[in-house]
Protein backbone atom coordinates (compact mmCIF):
# COMPACT_ATOMS: atom_id res chain seq x y z
CA MET A 1 18.83 -2.76 29.48
CA SER A 2 22.19 -4.70 31.20
CA LYS A 3 24.06 -3.61 33.78
CA PRO A 4 26.97 -2.79 32.11
CA VAL A 5 24.95 -0.52 29.28
CA ARG A 6 23.33 1.04 32.52
CA GLN A 7 26.74 1.65 33.80
CA LEU A 8 27.80 3.16 30.95
CA HIS A 9 25.04 5.17 30.35
CA PHE A 10 25.33 6.69 33.92
CA ALA A 11 29.04 7.76 33.31
CA LEU A 12 27.61 9.64 30.36
CA TYR A 13 25.48 11.24 32.55
CA PHE A 14 28.13 12.34 34.66
CA ALA A 15 30.70 13.48 32.35
CA LEU A 16 28.04 16.22 30.55
CA ASN A 17 26.79 17.24 33.90
CA VAL A 18 30.79 18.05 34.58
CA CYS A 19 31.28 19.57 30.81
CA PHE A 20 28.12 21.80 31.76
CA LEU A 21 30.21 22.71 34.91
CA VAL A 22 32.99 23.79 32.79
CA VAL A 23 30.57 25.84 30.20
CA LEU A 24 29.46 27.71 33.64
CA ALA A 25 32.58 28.85 34.88
CA ILE A 26 34.04 29.50 31.52
CA GLY A 27 30.93 31.84 30.97
CA CYS A 28 30.92 33.17 34.49
CA ALA A 29 34.78 34.05 33.55
CA ILE A 30 33.86 35.87 30.41
CA GLY A 31 30.75 37.69 31.40
CA ASN A 32 31.43 38.20 34.85
CA PRO A 33 27.43 38.71 35.79
CA THR A 34 26.51 40.53 38.80
CA ASN A 35 23.53 37.67 39.66
CA PRO A 36 24.45 34.10 37.78
CA ARG A 37 21.64 31.60 38.03
CA LEU A 38 23.92 28.92 38.96
CA LEU A 39 22.34 26.86 41.30
CA TYR A 40 19.43 27.50 39.20
CA LEU A 41 21.36 26.11 35.62
CA VAL A 42 23.09 23.01 37.56
CA ALA A 43 19.80 22.06 38.42
CA LEU A 44 17.57 22.14 35.24
CA PHE A 45 20.56 20.70 33.43
CA ALA A 46 20.77 17.79 35.87
CA LEU A 47 17.10 17.22 35.31
CA CYS A 48 17.10 17.77 31.72
CA GLY A 49 19.87 15.30 31.32
CA SER A 50 18.85 12.73 33.16
CA SER A 51 16.76 10.84 30.19
CA ILE A 52 20.23 9.32 29.26
CA ILE A 53 19.95 7.03 31.91
CA ASP A 54 16.94 4.98 30.42
CA LEU A 55 17.40 6.00 26.94
CA ASP A 56 17.05 2.91 24.73
CA GLY A 57 17.74 4.36 21.33
CA LEU A 58 16.96 7.09 19.55
CA ASN A 59 13.37 6.06 18.47
CA GLY A 60 12.87 3.72 21.98
CA ARG A 61 10.19 3.94 24.67
CA TYR A 62 12.34 7.04 26.78
CA SER A 63 13.02 8.95 23.18
CA LEU A 64 9.78 11.12 23.64
CA LEU A 65 11.46 12.06 27.40
CA ALA A 66 14.38 12.98 25.73
CA MET A 67 12.80 15.09 23.34
CA PHE A 68 11.12 16.60 25.81
CA LEU A 69 13.87 17.63 28.30
CA ALA A 70 15.87 19.06 25.56
CA VAL A 71 12.75 21.44 24.39
CA TYR A 72 12.34 21.84 28.20
CA PHE A 73 16.15 23.27 28.98
CA VAL A 74 15.70 25.59 25.19
CA PHE A 75 12.51 27.39 26.69
CA PHE A 76 13.96 27.66 30.66
CA GLY A 77 17.33 27.34 30.55
CA THR A 78 19.04 28.99 27.57
CA ALA A 79 18.48 32.75 28.62
CA ASP A 80 20.22 32.22 31.77
CA LEU A 81 22.79 30.42 29.98
CA PHE A 82 23.47 32.92 27.18
CA GLY A 83 23.39 35.78 30.31
CA LEU A 84 26.28 34.36 31.98
CA PHE A 85 28.82 35.56 28.74
CA SER A 86 26.64 38.30 27.73
CA GLY A 87 26.55 39.05 31.54
CA LYS A 88 23.30 40.07 31.73
CA SER A 89 20.47 38.18 34.51
CA THR A 90 16.96 37.06 33.88
CA VAL A 91 16.26 37.69 37.50
CA ILE A 92 16.40 40.10 40.13
CA ALA A 93 15.93 37.88 43.40
CA HIS A 94 19.32 36.77 44.69
CA SER A 95 18.21 33.56 46.32
CA ALA A 96 19.03 30.21 45.51
CA PHE A 97 16.07 30.13 43.10
CA SER A 98 13.69 32.06 42.52
CA PRO A 99 9.74 31.09 42.72
CA ALA A 100 9.11 30.76 39.18
CA GLU A 101 12.56 28.84 38.62
CA ALA A 102 11.02 26.75 41.52
CA VAL A 103 8.07 26.04 39.62
CA ILE A 104 10.09 25.47 36.56
CA LEU A 105 12.34 22.52 38.56
CA ILE A 106 9.37 20.97 40.60
CA GLY A 107 7.21 20.48 37.63
CA GLY A 108 9.46 19.15 35.59
CA ILE A 109 10.75 16.26 38.51
CA MET A 110 7.05 15.34 38.57
CA LEU A 111 6.52 15.14 34.96
CA VAL A 112 9.69 13.14 34.49
CA ALA A 113 8.88 10.62 37.57
CA ALA A 114 5.40 10.33 36.32
CA TYR A 115 6.79 9.34 32.42
CA ARG A 116 8.92 6.77 34.03
CA ALA A 117 6.06 5.13 35.68
CA ALA A 118 3.85 5.53 33.04
CA THR A 119 6.80 3.88 30.64
CA MET A 120 7.38 0.92 33.48
CA ILE A 121 3.35 0.08 33.17
CA GLY A 122 3.30 0.37 29.59
CA ASN A 123 6.05 -2.11 29.43
CA SER A 124 4.48 -5.02 31.07
CA VAL A 125 1.39 -4.78 29.08
CA ILE A 126 1.08 -7.14 25.57
CA PRO A 127 -0.65 -5.53 23.17
CA SER A 128 -3.74 -7.99 22.42
CA SER A 129 -3.10 -7.81 18.17
CA ALA A 130 -0.15 -7.25 15.82
CA PRO A 131 0.14 -3.85 14.57
CA ARG A 132 -0.72 -3.77 10.79
CA ASP A 133 0.91 -1.19 8.33
CA TRP A 134 -0.25 0.67 4.74
CA SER A 135 0.98 -1.08 1.76
CA THR A 136 3.39 0.77 -0.15
CA PRO A 137 1.06 2.11 -3.26
CA ALA A 138 -1.40 3.24 -0.46
CA ILE A 139 1.27 4.74 1.29
CA VAL A 140 2.73 6.89 -1.53
CA ALA A 141 -0.89 7.75 -3.31
CA ALA A 142 -2.12 9.37 -0.36
CA GLY A 143 0.84 11.13 0.72
CA LEU A 144 0.99 12.92 -2.61
CA VAL A 145 -2.46 13.78 -2.61
CA ILE A 146 -2.80 15.02 1.46
CA TRP A 147 0.57 17.42 0.51
CA CYS A 148 -0.23 18.49 -3.10
CA VAL A 149 -3.71 19.70 -1.74
CA GLY A 150 -2.42 20.94 1.49
CA THR A 151 0.00 23.08 -0.06
CA TYR A 152 -2.31 24.36 -2.71
CA ALA A 153 -4.30 25.34 0.67
CA ILE A 154 -1.51 26.99 2.64
CA TYR A 155 -1.04 28.99 -0.91
CA MET A 156 -4.43 30.26 -1.84
CA TRP A 157 -5.26 30.96 1.71
CA HIS A 158 -1.70 32.96 2.50
CA VAL A 159 -1.18 34.81 -0.62
CA TYR A 160 -5.40 35.66 -1.85
CA VAL A 161 -7.61 34.92 1.32
CA ASP A 162 -5.35 36.09 4.47
CA THR A 163 -3.08 38.30 2.77
CA GLY A 164 -2.06 39.89 6.33
CA ILE A 165 -1.38 43.55 5.07
CA THR A 166 -3.63 44.92 7.77
CA ILE A 167 -6.19 43.42 10.18
CA ALA A 168 -9.02 45.40 8.56
CA ALA A 169 -8.15 43.87 5.51
CA THR A 170 -7.61 40.06 6.71
CA ARG A 171 -11.29 40.82 8.34
CA LYS A 172 -12.50 41.91 4.71
CA ASP A 173 -10.88 38.88 2.76
CA LEU A 174 -12.09 36.62 5.82
CA ALA A 175 -16.03 37.95 5.41
CA SER A 176 -15.57 37.20 1.67
CA GLN A 177 -15.32 33.49 2.46
CA SER A 178 -17.98 31.01 3.46
CA PRO A 179 -17.66 29.22 6.49
CA LEU A 180 -17.37 26.14 5.03
CA ALA A 181 -14.78 27.05 2.71
CA ILE A 182 -12.92 28.16 5.77
CA ASP A 183 -13.10 25.25 7.37
CA GLY A 184 -11.56 23.46 4.06
CA TYR A 185 -8.42 25.61 3.81
CA ILE A 186 -7.62 25.28 7.40
CA PHE A 187 -8.30 21.29 7.35
CA ALA A 188 -5.86 20.99 4.45
CA GLN A 189 -3.28 23.23 5.89
CA MET A 190 -3.44 21.22 9.05
CA VAL A 191 -3.17 17.83 7.39
CA GLN A 192 -0.10 18.85 4.78
CA PRO A 193 2.62 17.74 6.84
CA VAL A 194 1.08 14.39 7.02
CA GLY A 195 1.78 13.93 3.27
CA ILE A 196 5.06 14.50 3.39
CA LEU A 197 5.51 12.31 7.07
CA LEU A 198 3.81 9.55 4.06
CA ILE A 199 6.33 9.89 1.55
CA ALA A 200 9.55 10.41 3.61
CA TYR A 201 8.30 6.89 5.73
CA ALA A 202 7.59 5.58 2.47
CA TRP A 203 11.74 6.36 1.19
CA ARG A 204 12.91 5.15 4.02
CA VAL A 205 11.25 1.66 4.37
CA ARG A 206 11.68 0.78 0.94
CA ARG A 207 14.38 2.61 -0.39
CA MET A 208 13.09 3.29 -3.85
CA ARG A 209 14.95 6.19 -5.57
CA TYR A 210 12.25 7.77 -7.22
CA LEU A 211 10.71 8.86 -3.38
CA ALA A 212 14.12 9.87 -2.54
CA GLY A 213 13.89 12.56 -5.43
CA LEU A 214 10.54 13.29 -4.25
CA VAL A 215 11.49 14.14 -1.37
CA ILE A 216 14.10 16.35 -1.95
CA VAL A 217 11.37 18.37 -4.44
CA ILE A 218 9.18 18.35 -1.20
CA VAL A 219 11.60 20.12 0.82
CA ALA A 220 12.27 22.40 -2.23
CA VAL A 221 8.80 23.61 -2.42
CA GLN A 222 8.68 23.65 1.50
CA VAL A 223 11.02 26.68 1.75
CA VAL A 224 9.87 28.25 -1.59
CA LEU A 225 6.35 28.48 -0.05
CA GLY A 226 7.59 29.32 3.37
CA PHE A 227 9.70 32.28 2.18
CA VAL A 228 6.07 33.75 -0.31
CA VAL A 229 3.98 33.33 2.56
CA ASP A 230 6.26 34.36 4.90
CA ILE A 231 6.48 31.53 7.83
CA LYS A 232 9.91 30.27 8.70
CA GLY A 233 8.37 27.45 10.55
CA LEU A 234 6.84 26.21 6.99
CA ALA A 235 10.03 26.62 5.06
CA MET A 236 11.86 24.44 7.78
CA LEU A 237 9.10 21.63 7.93
CA GLY A 238 10.17 19.49 5.03
CA GLY A 239 13.44 19.18 6.38
CA ILE A 240 12.87 18.60 9.57
CA LEU A 241 10.02 16.00 9.29
CA VAL A 242 12.42 14.22 7.14
CA ILE A 243 15.31 14.16 9.57
CA VAL A 244 12.38 13.34 12.63
CA SER A 245 11.09 10.43 10.38
CA ILE A 246 15.15 9.13 9.84
CA VAL A 247 15.80 9.29 13.33
CA LEU A 248 12.39 7.34 14.55
CA ILE A 249 12.20 4.81 11.72
CA GLU A 250 15.75 3.62 12.05
CA GLY A 251 16.98 5.19 15.08
CA ARG A 252 19.90 7.15 14.24
CA VAL A 253 20.92 10.76 13.08
CA PRO A 254 21.11 11.32 9.28
CA LYS A 255 24.24 13.20 9.05
CA LEU A 256 23.55 14.61 5.84
CA TRP A 257 20.08 15.55 6.43
CA LEU A 258 21.17 17.65 9.76
CA ALA A 259 24.42 19.16 8.22
CA GLY A 260 22.04 20.45 5.73
CA ALA A 261 18.89 21.82 8.10
CA ILE A 262 22.32 23.61 10.32
CA MET A 263 23.49 25.53 6.99
CA PHE A 264 19.68 26.31 6.25
CA ILE A 265 19.87 27.96 9.55
CA GLN A 266 22.75 29.65 9.25
CA LEU A 267 22.74 31.13 5.32
CA ALA A 268 18.87 31.40 4.60
CA PHE A 269 17.30 31.96 8.59
CA PRO A 270 18.50 35.74 8.23
CA ILE A 271 17.27 36.43 4.77
CA PHE A 272 13.69 34.98 6.26
CA GLN A 273 14.08 37.41 8.89
CA ALA A 274 15.20 40.31 6.50
CA SER A 275 12.21 39.46 4.43
CA ARG A 276 9.80 39.95 7.17
CA ALA A 277 11.12 43.07 8.00
CA VAL A 278 11.18 44.63 4.62
CA LEU A 279 8.79 43.24 2.64
CA GLN A 280 6.18 43.03 5.22
CA GLY A 281 7.51 45.70 7.86
CA ASP A 282 8.77 48.46 5.74
CA LEU A 283 7.39 48.21 2.35
CA HIS A 284 4.06 46.36 2.97
CA ILE A 285 4.60 44.21 -0.22
CA ALA A 286 1.54 41.88 -0.69
CA ARG A 287 2.46 38.17 -1.00
CA THR A 288 0.78 37.88 -4.46
CA THR A 289 3.14 40.51 -5.62
CA VAL A 290 6.27 38.64 -3.63
CA ALA A 291 4.58 35.32 -5.18
CA HIS A 292 4.90 36.83 -9.05
CA HIS A 293 7.66 38.66 -8.55
CA LEU A 294 10.39 36.31 -6.37
CA GLY A 295 13.43 36.44 -7.74
CA ALA A 296 12.86 40.50 -6.83
CA ALA A 297 11.87 39.62 -3.25
CA VAL A 298 14.97 37.37 -2.52
CA LYS A 299 17.02 39.92 -3.85
CA LEU A 300 15.52 42.57 -1.68
CA ALA A 301 15.71 40.37 1.35
CA THR A 302 19.22 39.12 0.80
CA SER A 303 20.20 42.69 0.31
CA ALA A 304 18.54 44.07 4.02
CA GLU A 305 20.02 40.79 5.50
CA HIS A 306 22.82 42.53 7.48
CA ARG A 307 20.85 45.45 8.50
CA VAL A 308 18.20 43.69 9.87
CA ASN A 309 20.29 40.92 11.42
CA SER A 310 22.94 43.51 13.01
CA GLY A 311 23.11 46.54 15.33
CA PRO A 312 21.07 47.36 18.70
CA ASP A 313 18.03 46.66 16.82
CA ARG A 314 18.71 43.45 15.43
CA ALA A 315 16.16 40.70 15.21
CA GLN A 316 15.62 38.37 17.75
CA THR A 317 17.90 35.19 17.37
CA PHE A 318 16.10 32.01 17.59
CA PHE A 319 17.07 30.70 21.23
CA ALA A 320 16.11 34.66 22.29
CA ARG A 321 12.72 33.82 20.48
CA ALA A 322 12.02 30.23 22.07
CA SER A 323 12.85 31.61 25.72
CA LEU A 324 9.69 31.14 27.62
CA LEU A 325 11.31 31.96 31.06
CA GLY A 326 10.17 35.62 31.16
CA SER A 327 6.23 34.41 30.60
CA VAL A 328 6.78 32.20 33.51
CA GLN A 329 8.27 34.83 35.45
CA MET A 330 5.55 37.12 34.73
CA ILE A 331 2.97 34.62 35.68
CA VAL A 332 4.52 33.03 39.17
CA ASP A 333 5.26 36.82 40.53
CA ARG A 334 1.82 38.34 40.07
CA THR A 335 -0.65 35.83 39.82
CA GLY A 336 -2.61 35.64 43.54
CA LYS A 337 -1.05 39.48 43.69
CA ASP A 338 -2.32 41.95 41.06
CA VAL A 339 -3.28 39.41 38.86
CA PRO A 340 -6.46 36.99 39.89
CA PHE A 341 -6.18 32.73 39.00
CA GLU A 342 -8.32 31.60 36.11
CA HIS A 343 -9.61 28.62 37.85
CA GLY A 344 -9.83 26.13 34.86
CA TYR A 345 -11.43 29.01 32.72
CA THR A 346 -8.56 28.82 29.63
CA LEU A 347 -8.87 25.04 29.59
CA VAL A 348 -12.59 25.26 28.86
CA PRO A 349 -12.13 24.98 25.66
CA LEU A 350 -10.71 21.10 26.12
CA ILE A 351 -14.34 20.37 27.04
CA SER A 352 -16.33 22.64 24.86
CA THR A 353 -14.83 22.24 21.81
CA PHE A 354 -16.12 18.25 21.11
CA VAL A 355 -19.68 19.32 22.41
CA PRO A 356 -22.22 20.25 19.42
CA LYS A 357 -23.06 23.60 19.12
CA ILE A 358 -26.91 22.45 19.27
CA LEU A 359 -26.16 21.29 22.80
CA TRP A 360 -23.86 24.49 24.06
CA SER A 361 -24.63 27.55 21.63
CA HIS A 362 -22.72 29.88 23.58
CA LYS A 363 -19.64 28.04 24.05
CA PRO A 364 -17.08 30.42 25.07
CA GLN A 365 -13.50 31.49 22.93
CA VAL A 366 -10.75 31.57 24.86
CA PRO A 367 -7.77 33.21 23.02
CA THR A 368 -5.37 32.38 25.70
CA GLY A 369 -2.30 34.21 24.47
CA GLN A 370 -4.47 37.00 24.08
CA VAL A 371 -6.09 37.08 27.74
CA VAL A 372 -2.15 36.73 29.11
CA ASN A 373 -1.60 40.10 27.25
CA LYS A 374 -4.54 41.61 28.59
CA MET A 375 -4.48 40.54 32.35
CA PHE A 376 -0.63 41.04 32.54
CA HIS A 377 -1.02 44.47 30.42
CA VAL A 378 2.47 43.33 28.01
CA SER A 379 1.18 45.20 25.07
CA THR A 380 -1.25 47.63 23.91
CA GLN A 381 -1.97 45.67 21.01
CA ALA A 382 -5.33 43.76 21.85
CA ALA A 383 -4.01 41.15 19.25
CA THR A 384 -0.71 40.57 20.70
CA TYR A 385 -0.46 36.84 22.20
CA ILE A 386 1.92 36.20 24.35
CA SER A 387 2.74 32.68 24.60
CA PRO A 388 2.18 31.36 28.06
CA SER A 389 3.53 27.43 28.34
CA HIS A 390 1.57 24.46 29.39
CA LEU A 391 3.65 25.25 32.91
CA GLY A 392 2.58 28.79 32.89
CA GLU A 393 -0.71 28.18 32.13
CA LEU A 394 -1.23 25.40 34.88
CA TYR A 395 0.06 28.00 37.64
CA TRP A 396 -2.10 30.42 36.52
CA ASN A 397 -5.04 28.41 37.06
CA PHE A 398 -4.64 26.71 39.74
CA GLY A 399 -1.08 27.80 41.82
CA TRP A 400 1.12 25.17 43.14
CA PRO A 401 -1.96 22.37 42.58
CA GLY A 402 -1.98 22.85 39.06
CA VAL A 403 1.80 22.42 38.84
CA LEU A 404 1.58 18.93 40.81
CA ILE A 405 -1.22 17.74 39.38
CA GLY A 406 -1.08 18.82 35.58
CA MET A 407 2.52 18.20 35.01
CA PRO A 408 2.23 14.67 35.85
CA ILE A 409 -1.01 14.28 33.92
CA ILE A 410 1.82 15.34 31.02
CA GLY A 411 3.98 13.38 31.46
CA SER A 412 1.83 10.01 31.64
CA ILE A 413 0.14 11.22 28.76
CA LEU A 414 3.99 11.20 27.14
CA GLY A 415 4.67 8.20 28.51
CA PHE A 416 2.09 6.00 27.23
CA ILE A 417 2.39 6.96 24.13
CA GLY A 418 6.10 6.46 24.09
CA SER A 419 5.66 3.30 25.31
CA ARG A 420 2.86 1.67 23.28
CA PHE A 421 3.77 3.69 20.10
CA ASN A 422 7.48 3.53 19.64
CA LEU A 423 9.16 2.51 16.51
CA SER A 424 11.98 0.15 18.27
CA ASP A 425 9.43 -2.27 18.42
CA ALA A 426 7.62 -1.94 15.54
CA ARG A 427 7.67 0.07 12.16
CA THR A 428 4.29 1.15 11.06
CA VAL A 429 2.87 4.15 9.31
CA THR A 430 0.37 4.85 12.20
CA ARG A 431 3.23 4.27 15.10
CA LEU A 432 5.29 7.25 12.99
CA LEU A 433 1.92 9.48 12.87
CA VAL A 434 1.04 9.50 16.93
CA ILE A 435 4.76 10.08 17.73
CA VAL A 436 5.22 12.67 15.30
CA VAL A 437 1.99 14.53 15.93
CA THR A 438 2.83 13.88 19.99
CA ILE A 439 6.32 16.00 19.57
CA GLN A 440 5.08 19.06 17.49
CA GLN A 441 1.81 19.42 19.97
CA LEU A 442 2.69 18.27 22.96
CA ILE A 443 6.52 18.61 23.17
CA MET A 444 7.19 21.99 20.88
CA GLY A 445 3.55 23.02 21.86
CA PHE A 446 4.37 23.52 24.97
CA GLU A 447 5.37 26.54 24.67
CA GLY A 448 1.62 28.00 23.97
CA ALA A 449 -1.74 27.57 25.18
CA ILE A 450 -3.03 24.11 27.05
CA ALA A 451 -6.56 23.60 25.20
CA VAL A 452 -5.38 24.31 21.59
CA SER A 453 -2.29 21.70 21.96
CA TYR A 454 -4.11 19.13 22.98
CA VAL A 455 -7.50 19.81 21.26
CA VAL A 456 -5.88 19.76 18.05
CA TRP A 457 -3.65 16.47 19.41
CA LEU A 458 -6.81 14.76 19.75
CA ARG A 459 -8.55 15.40 16.57
CA SER A 460 -5.27 14.34 14.78
CA LEU A 461 -5.22 11.17 16.73
CA ALA A 462 -8.76 11.24 15.73
CA ALA A 463 -8.10 11.21 12.06
CA ILE A 464 -5.11 8.83 12.24
CA ALA A 465 -7.09 6.12 13.83
CA VAL A 466 -10.04 6.48 10.60
CA LEU A 467 -6.74 6.18 8.13
CA HIS A 468 -5.58 3.53 9.95
CA LEU A 469 -8.83 1.84 9.71
CA LEU A 470 -8.72 2.22 6.10
CA PHE A 471 -5.45 1.34 5.23
CA ALA A 472 -3.44 -0.90 7.62
CA ARG A 473 -3.56 -4.58 6.21
CA ASN A 474 -0.37 -5.75 6.12
CA PRO A 475 0.59 -7.54 9.76
CA VAL A 476 4.07 -6.20 11.16
CA ILE A 477 6.46 -8.20 13.57
CA VAL A 478 6.76 -7.09 16.94
CA HIS A 479 9.89 -6.96 18.59
CA ARG A 480 8.83 -6.76 22.35
CA LEU A 481 11.29 -5.16 25.23
CA ASN A 482 10.34 -6.46 28.91
CA ILE A 483 10.90 -3.59 31.41
CA ASP A 484 14.37 -3.48 31.82
CA GLY A 485 14.72 -3.30 28.11
CA GLU A 486 16.07 -7.05 27.14
CA PRO A 487 14.01 -8.56 24.63
CA GLY A 488 10.83 -10.54 26.48
CA ALA A 489 9.57 -13.78 26.21
CA ASP A 490 7.25 -12.19 23.78
CA ALA A 491 10.18 -11.29 21.43
CA LEU A 492 10.14 -12.18 17.90
CA PRO A 493 12.77 -11.57 14.90
CA GLN A 494 12.62 -8.96 12.62
CA GLY A 495 15.80 -9.69 10.44
CA PRO A 496 17.43 -12.73 9.36
CA ALA A 497 18.83 -14.90 12.14
CA GLY A 498 16.66 -13.30 14.64
CA THR A 499 18.56 -9.91 14.36
CA SER A 500 16.69 -6.59 15.28
CA LEU A 501 16.00 -4.30 12.35
CA PHE A 502 16.62 -1.50 14.59
CA PRO A 503 19.81 -1.48 16.29
CA ASN A 504 20.14 0.47 19.76
CA LEU A 505 22.77 3.06 19.61
CA LEU A 506 23.59 3.58 22.56
CA SER A 507 24.56 -0.25 23.92
């Protein structure tokens, strides 16, 4: 990155922090909170915005860091930010930083430092061979097959196998299926997003009109499927993956798709909330009935939307549900006092999952979220899952050493992936799959349990490696950058007259 561009990035970083200070002042004036967490919010925003300084494009080496820090602020900052406007505080302590806030800030700093170090090391390593991509027929055929099979598995599983009416009914339904069938359903559901990614990749790289129509159909089917099985994330998955694919492949924000996503969240998200509260909660309507009478189900949910999403008992907003500050506060305040440290117990599945049962017949099953609920006495319902966040789980297991060692490890992993698989160097299906799986499991999945996120991530990488060996045949020219972000000695042109196909939007 040239000196003028870096200066521009510093100026932008400074301006954003000044704007944030203005927002804090307005919030305090409106809400007049008794215990505003101003220093914490200023420090957290300064940390999470620091990725702008080195950001080399929306699909560059530091894009994963920017995504992680944006999510990090949503998880740990939005509750206090909105609390300024409502006059409510998230903590009782009147010190500058509560113990939980210190854990969040220092953990974030350690991760950022490790990410930058891993990226610098990755930038200095030249791959031994040129990357290879799939052929267009292979991409489209594999994408269609994977998506169709995965969609069928999701529908059958949630409508006819795991009906979700009661816990007893779910156990009875699962008992009627063979272990092999259950494993097949689960695997097919897990790989369904891969099919969407493949079709979206083929569309953006090859620009064929029929692929554009296919993408729109897939997004629409995902919305209907998500409503039927009562999973909002599934309904939004198609649109989200298309937006992410365009950002990563082309290094730009697709304004039309983003506007559509915002409209969907504003208009359809409340209807999905009402559907869960009325169809599943009040009326206990089976998903088979919803599937067979879809129009009537939508009408019921729409008519109840205002009642469910207004008043003192309204459903939680997206940001309220996303906040993890309460979980980390609970863990930091009580661990080592009335709740013991776990000393690595919740991390055992990271090892046991990959050991065959013939060698470890009594492998422990650790439902971390339910263990959190039990140990911290959050709910009387044993099946309740409390998200600890990866940060909270590290502290719960080892205290401060867990944060000071674990967060740099996470940062190093993200930095390595960001430097070696970014799509600004070369566009390939493999790179897209690796980056998206990392975003889904290690960044968005940061709210959950460590073992679950990393086991799924490692298995996904293994599957991607197999697909790469089977289908990647076409060599791709690499546009290498040196440590400073400038074209290196090994840089090769990817477009006419040596121009890059991946323009840097910020320089």
